[in-house]
């Protein structure tokens, strides 16, 4: 394999692993959301949970197809803020989707062809879910530095990155 292809594949694999880690965290996070959100939003939470599980499973297969071991889910994750009630659960769901969108944005940049189209579709889906939870949109979903709340995320390092930072942080 040429050096350029090897670098692309390495960057692609790292971005796939970061997206997989973010999906693991999102699945965990939606377990929290589902337990706190009001009854009228539980169907929406369940649909998001199922979508993230499906993406997680597909990403794990892609990582294996590249000959690597998929990153494992953590046993538990630290939430970015307390989620004691339905209002906080809705904010948390929007936060989950915004952060996962950022990781998919990284994946779009790192890939080409069918994998890039799939990553762009995942970015679009997470952006749409974020709008539904938040009740409003941002100009550039997945690009924290361009969104209204992104400046704070970029300044605190709370946003996603290609290093695998996801919506919630694994606990030790």
Foldseek 3Di string as FASTA:
>chain_A
DDPVVVVLLVLLLLLLLLLLQQLLVLLQLLVVLLVAADPVCNVVSVVSNVVSVVSNVVSQVVNVVSVHHRDDHFPDFAAPDDRPHNLSSLVLLLLQLLQSLLSLVSNLVSDDDPSNVVSVVSSVVSQVSSCVSVVHHAPDRNQLVRGPNSVVCVVVVQHYDSNNRHNTGHDD
